C-alpha atoms as a PDB file:
ATOM      1  CA  MET A   1      63.241  50.900  56.674  1.00  0.00           C
ATOM      2  CA  LEU A   2      64.022  52.373  60.126  1.00  0.00           C
ATOM      3  CA  ARG A   3      60.439  51.588  61.475  1.00  0.00           C
ATOM      4  CA  LYS A   4      61.316  47.980  60.575  1.00  0.00           C
ATOM      5  CA  LEU A   5      64.832  47.834  62.020  1.00  0.00           C
ATOM      6  CA  GLN A   6      63.443  49.584  65.307  1.00  0.00           C
ATOM      7  CA  GLU A   7      60.689  46.673  65.503  1.00  0.00           C
ATOM      8  CA  HIS A   8      63.377  43.907  64.842  1.00  0.00           C
ATOM      9  CA  LEU A   9      65.678  45.553  67.499  1.00  0.00           C
ATOM     10  CA  GLN A  10      63.084  45.928  70.071  1.00  0.00           C
ATOM     11  CA  ASP A  11      62.013  42.411  69.695  1.00  0.00           C
ATOM     12  CA  TYR A  12      65.687  40.885  69.444  1.00  0.00           C
ATOM     13  CA  LEU A  13      67.064  43.164  72.531  1.00  0.00           C
ATOM     14  CA  SER A  14      63.864  43.309  74.667  1.00  0.00           C
ATOM     15  CA  LEU A  15      64.784  46.956  74.929  1.00  0.00           C
ATOM     16  CA  PRO A  16      63.025  50.220  73.925  1.00  0.00           C
ATOM     17  CA  VAL A  17      64.368  51.565  70.509  1.00  0.00           C
ATOM     18  CA  ARG A  18      64.018  55.293  69.781  1.00  0.00           C
ATOM     19  CA  ILE A  19      64.479  56.730  66.438  1.00  0.00           C
ATOM     20  CA  THR A  20      65.711  60.219  66.768  1.00  0.00           C
ATOM     21  CA  GLY A  21      65.638  63.255  64.233  1.00  0.00           C
ATOM     22  CA  ASN A  22      68.164  63.560  61.688  1.00  0.00           C
ATOM     23  CA  MET A  23      71.814  64.714  62.555  1.00  0.00           C
ATOM     24  CA  PRO A  24      73.461  66.484  59.982  1.00  0.00           C
ATOM     25  CA  VAL A  25      77.064  65.262  58.928  1.00  0.00           C
ATOM     26  CA  PRO A  26      79.485  67.290  60.457  1.00  0.00           C
ATOM     27  CA  GLU A  27      81.474  69.690  58.610  1.00  0.00           C
ATOM     28  CA  GLY A  28      85.110  68.277  58.151  1.00  0.00           C
ATOM     29  CA  SER A  29      84.164  65.001  57.411  1.00  0.00           C
ATOM     30  CA  TYR A  30      84.000  64.980  53.711  1.00  0.00           C
ATOM     31  CA  GLU A  31      87.539  64.052  52.305  1.00  0.00           C
ATOM     32  CA  ARG A  32      87.397  65.738  49.002  1.00  0.00           C
ATOM     33  CA  SER A  33      90.817  63.892  47.553  1.00  0.00           C
ATOM     34  CA  ARG A  34      88.657  60.621  47.950  1.00  0.00           C
ATOM     35  CA  ASN A  35      85.249  61.631  47.474  1.00  0.00           C
ATOM     36  CA  GLN A  36      84.019  60.163  50.864  1.00  0.00           C
ATOM     37  CA  TYR A  37      83.385  60.723  54.578  1.00  0.00           C
ATOM     38  CA  ASN A  38      85.529  59.911  57.268  1.00  0.00           C
ATOM     39  CA  SER A  39      83.579  57.628  59.414  1.00  0.00           C
ATOM     40  CA  THR A  40      85.536  58.366  62.705  1.00  0.00           C
ATOM     41  CA  ARG A  41      84.640  62.038  62.591  1.00  0.00           C
ATOM     42  CA  ILE A  42      81.087  61.131  62.102  1.00  0.00           C
ATOM     43  CA  LEU A  43      81.148  58.575  64.914  1.00  0.00           C
ATOM     44  CA  ARG A  44      82.569  61.287  67.502  1.00  0.00           C
ATOM     45  CA  LYS A  45      79.600  63.693  66.570  1.00  0.00           C
ATOM     46  CA  ILE A  46      77.133  60.789  67.323  1.00  0.00           C
ATOM     47  CA  LEU A  47      78.568  60.261  70.607  1.00  0.00           C
ATOM     48  CA  ARG A  48      78.652  64.003  71.440  1.00  0.00           C
ATOM     49  CA  GLU A  49      75.059  64.308  70.694  1.00  0.00           C
ATOM     50  CA  THR A  50      74.131  60.855  72.111  1.00  0.00           C
ATOM     51  CA  PRO A  51      71.073  61.445  74.777  1.00  0.00           C
ATOM     52  CA  ALA A  52      72.305  60.535  78.272  1.00  0.00           C
ATOM     53  CA  ASP A  53      69.952  57.824  78.592  1.00  0.00           C
ATOM     54  CA  ALA A  54      71.019  55.732  75.593  1.00  0.00           C
ATOM     55  CA  ILE A  55      72.436  52.407  76.366  1.00  0.00           C
ATOM     56  CA  LYS A  56      73.685  52.090  72.614  1.00  0.00           C
ATOM     57  CA  ILE A  57      73.225  54.250  69.601  1.00  0.00           C
ATOM     58  CA  VAL A  58      73.570  53.259  65.908  1.00  0.00           C
ATOM     59  CA  GLY A  59      73.754  55.860  63.512  1.00  0.00           C
ATOM     60  CA  ILE A  60      72.657  55.208  60.080  1.00  0.00           C
ATOM     61  CA  VAL A  61      73.997  57.312  56.784  1.00  0.00           C
ATOM     62  CA  ASP A  62      73.834  57.239  53.206  1.00  0.00           C
ATOM     63  CA  LYS A  63      77.289  58.364  52.422  1.00  0.00           C
ATOM     64  CA  ASP A  64      80.336  56.558  51.315  1.00  0.00           C
ATOM     65  CA  LEU A  65      82.580  55.942  54.305  1.00  0.00           C
ATOM     66  CA  CYS A  66      86.280  55.516  54.756  1.00  0.00           C
ATOM     67  CA  ILE A  67      88.865  55.769  57.146  1.00  0.00           C
ATOM     68  CA  PRO A  68      92.466  56.383  56.751  1.00  0.00           C
ATOM     69  CA  ILE A  69      94.125  53.012  56.417  1.00  0.00           C
ATOM     70  CA  LEU A  70      91.060  51.656  54.171  1.00  0.00           C
ATOM     71  CA  THR A  71      89.799  52.405  50.749  1.00  0.00           C
ATOM     72  CA  PHE A  72      86.018  52.080  52.124  1.00  0.00           C
ATOM     73  CA  VAL A  73      84.124  51.045  55.209  1.00  0.00           C
ATOM     74  CA  PHE A  74      80.454  49.681  55.612  1.00  0.00           C
ATOM     75  CA  GLY A  75      80.624  51.342  59.098  1.00  0.00           C
ATOM     76  CA  GLU A  76      82.447  51.459  62.266  1.00  0.00           C
ATOM     77  CA  ALA A  77      82.041  51.081  65.869  1.00  0.00           C
ATOM     78  CA  GLN A  78      83.456  51.690  69.336  1.00  0.00           C
ATOM     79  CA  LEU A  79      85.239  48.453  70.819  1.00  0.00           C
ATOM     80  CA  GLY A  80      83.253  48.166  74.261  1.00  0.00           C
ATOM     81  CA  GLY A  81      81.700  51.347  73.847  1.00  0.00           C
ATOM     82  CA  LYS A  82      77.951  52.425  73.041  1.00  0.00           C
ATOM     83  CA  ALA A  83      78.127  54.150  69.396  1.00  0.00           C
ATOM     84  CA  SER A  84      78.145  52.637  66.187  1.00  0.00           C
ATOM     85  CA  LEU A  85      77.673  53.978  62.560  1.00  0.00           C
ATOM     86  CA  VAL A  86      76.485  52.189  59.713  1.00  0.00           C
ATOM     87  CA  SER A  87      76.283  53.160  55.681  1.00  0.00           C
ATOM     88  CA  ILE A  88      73.814  52.025  53.500  1.00  0.00           C
ATOM     89  CA  ALA A  89      75.697  53.742  50.476  1.00  0.00           C
ATOM     90  CA  ARG A  90      77.491  50.547  49.323  1.00  0.00           C
ATOM     91  CA  LEU A  91      74.295  48.390  49.664  1.00  0.00           C
ATOM     92  CA  ARG A  92      72.534  50.010  46.749  1.00  0.00           C
ATOM     93  CA  GLN A  93      73.016  48.639  43.294  1.00  0.00           C
ATOM     94  CA  GLU A  94      73.146  52.108  41.775  1.00  0.00           C
ATOM     95  CA  PHE A  95      76.284  52.680  43.779  1.00  0.00           C
ATOM     96  CA  HIS A  96      77.861  50.175  41.744  1.00  0.00           C
ATOM     97  CA  GLY A  97      76.548  51.202  38.545  1.00  0.00           C
ATOM     98  CA  LEU A  98      73.814  48.340  38.445  1.00  0.00           C
ATOM     99  CA  SER A  99      70.230  49.013  38.286  1.00  0.00           C
END
């Protein structure tokens, strides 16, 4: 999936697209009471670890994400910034009890 996305983005943006190594989800991002991960905390970690030469960065996680004011989110991005985060967890039929 990542390689296909890489190819599509390179064609669409006419820019080089790199896939970097896996980054562990930061400690403290899991919200036990909600059984979800705080997307803002993950986005902050992505920003801290973004390569200096990156124009934009997209983190992709297979975790159920939330922010305090919403029960779930599919992702989060900086307005006018360089970082974004996308979750594929709720895109899976199994997440919703379907097969």
